[in-house]
Amino acid sequence: MGALIAFLLGVTVLWAFVGWALAGPVAVGSLAFYMLRDTRERAKPIYSGDATWLYGVALVAIGIGVVVSAWRIAQWAGQL
């Protein structure tokens, strides 16, 4: 989400700050949702573990969002 905001709405640095600020809470929320679902699945008699790759994908997506937003902010700060 942060990367999308920084890329699409990154005309002003305000949107980069918004994307960067939202990346943290969205990251915590999405990882908490995953962990809740995963714990629920592990409590069942048969655990398939099919979605374990999703955790890694979520971490990479969150990292990209933070880095892209921070990059945009750094470009702005370098032009001051």
Protein backbone atom coordinates (compact mmCIF):
# COMPACT_ATOMS: atom_id res chain seq x y z
CA MET A 1 0.00 0.00 0.00
CA GLY A 2 2.82 2.39 0.87
CA ALA A 3 4.58 1.69 -2.43
CA LEU A 4 1.35 2.24 -4.35
CA ILE A 5 0.74 5.57 -2.65
CA ALA A 6 4.34 6.68 -3.18
CA PHE A 7 4.34 5.73 -6.86
CA LEU A 8 0.89 6.82 -7.94
CA LEU A 9 0.29 9.80 -5.70
CA GLY A 10 3.91 10.71 -5.08
CA VAL A 11 3.62 14.03 -6.89
CA THR A 12 3.97 15.78 -3.58
CA VAL A 13 6.10 14.61 -0.71
CA LEU A 14 3.02 14.61 1.51
CA TRP A 15 1.78 11.43 -0.15
CA ALA A 16 5.16 9.78 0.38
CA PHE A 17 4.95 10.62 4.09
CA VAL A 18 1.38 9.28 4.21
CA GLY A 19 2.43 6.04 2.49
CA TRP A 20 5.40 5.63 4.78
CA ALA A 21 3.28 6.29 7.88
CA LEU A 22 0.57 3.86 6.76
CA ALA A 23 3.02 1.09 5.89
CA GLY A 24 3.69 0.34 9.56
CA PRO A 25 0.10 -0.05 10.79
CA VAL A 26 -0.91 -1.91 7.63
CA ALA A 27 2.06 -4.23 8.11
CA VAL A 28 1.18 -4.98 11.71
CA GLY A 29 -2.48 -5.50 10.83
CA SER A 30 -1.85 -7.80 7.90
CA LEU A 31 0.71 -9.90 9.76
CA ALA A 32 -1.60 -10.13 12.77
CA PHE A 33 -4.43 -11.28 10.49
CA TYR A 34 -2.16 -13.93 8.99
CA MET A 35 -0.96 -15.15 12.38
CA LEU A 36 -4.53 -15.38 13.66
CA ARG A 37 -5.60 -17.46 10.65
CA ASP A 38 -2.49 -19.62 10.84
CA THR A 39 -2.97 -20.29 14.55
CA ARG A 40 -6.58 -21.23 13.92
CA GLU A 41 -5.52 -23.65 11.20
CA ARG A 42 -2.80 -25.18 13.41
CA ALA A 43 -5.40 -25.89 16.09
CA LYS A 44 -7.30 -28.16 13.70
CA PRO A 45 -6.54 -31.88 13.62
CA ILE A 46 -5.03 -31.66 10.11
CA TYR A 47 -2.74 -28.72 9.32
CA SER A 48 -1.85 -28.33 5.66
CA GLY A 49 0.46 -25.32 6.03
CA ASP A 50 -0.33 -24.19 2.48
CA ALA A 51 -0.24 -20.49 3.28
CA THR A 52 3.18 -20.33 4.95
CA TRP A 53 4.63 -18.76 1.79
CA LEU A 54 2.11 -15.94 2.22
CA TYR A 55 3.97 -14.73 5.30
CA GLY A 56 7.14 -14.21 3.26
CA VAL A 57 5.24 -12.48 0.47
CA ALA A 58 3.63 -10.13 2.98
CA LEU A 59 7.00 -9.26 4.51
CA VAL A 60 8.50 -8.51 1.09
CA ALA A 61 5.51 -6.36 0.07
CA ILE A 62 5.69 -4.42 3.33
CA GLY A 63 9.43 -3.91 2.91
CA ILE A 64 8.96 -2.61 -0.63
CA GLY A 65 6.30 -0.18 0.55
CA VAL A 66 8.50 1.24 3.27
CA VAL A 67 11.60 1.46 1.05
CA VAL A 68 9.80 3.12 -1.88
CA SER A 69 8.17 5.69 0.37
CA ALA A 70 11.44 6.38 2.19
CA TRP A 71 13.24 6.70 -1.16
CA ARG A 72 10.71 9.31 -2.29
CA ILE A 73 11.13 11.23 0.96
CA ALA A 74 14.92 11.08 0.62
CA GLN A 75 14.72 12.46 -2.92
CA TRP A 76 12.63 15.33 -1.65
CA ALA A 77 14.98 16.00 1.27
CA GLY A 78 17.98 15.95 -1.08
CA GLN A 79 16.46 18.74 -3.16
CA LEU A 80 16.02 21.11 -0.21
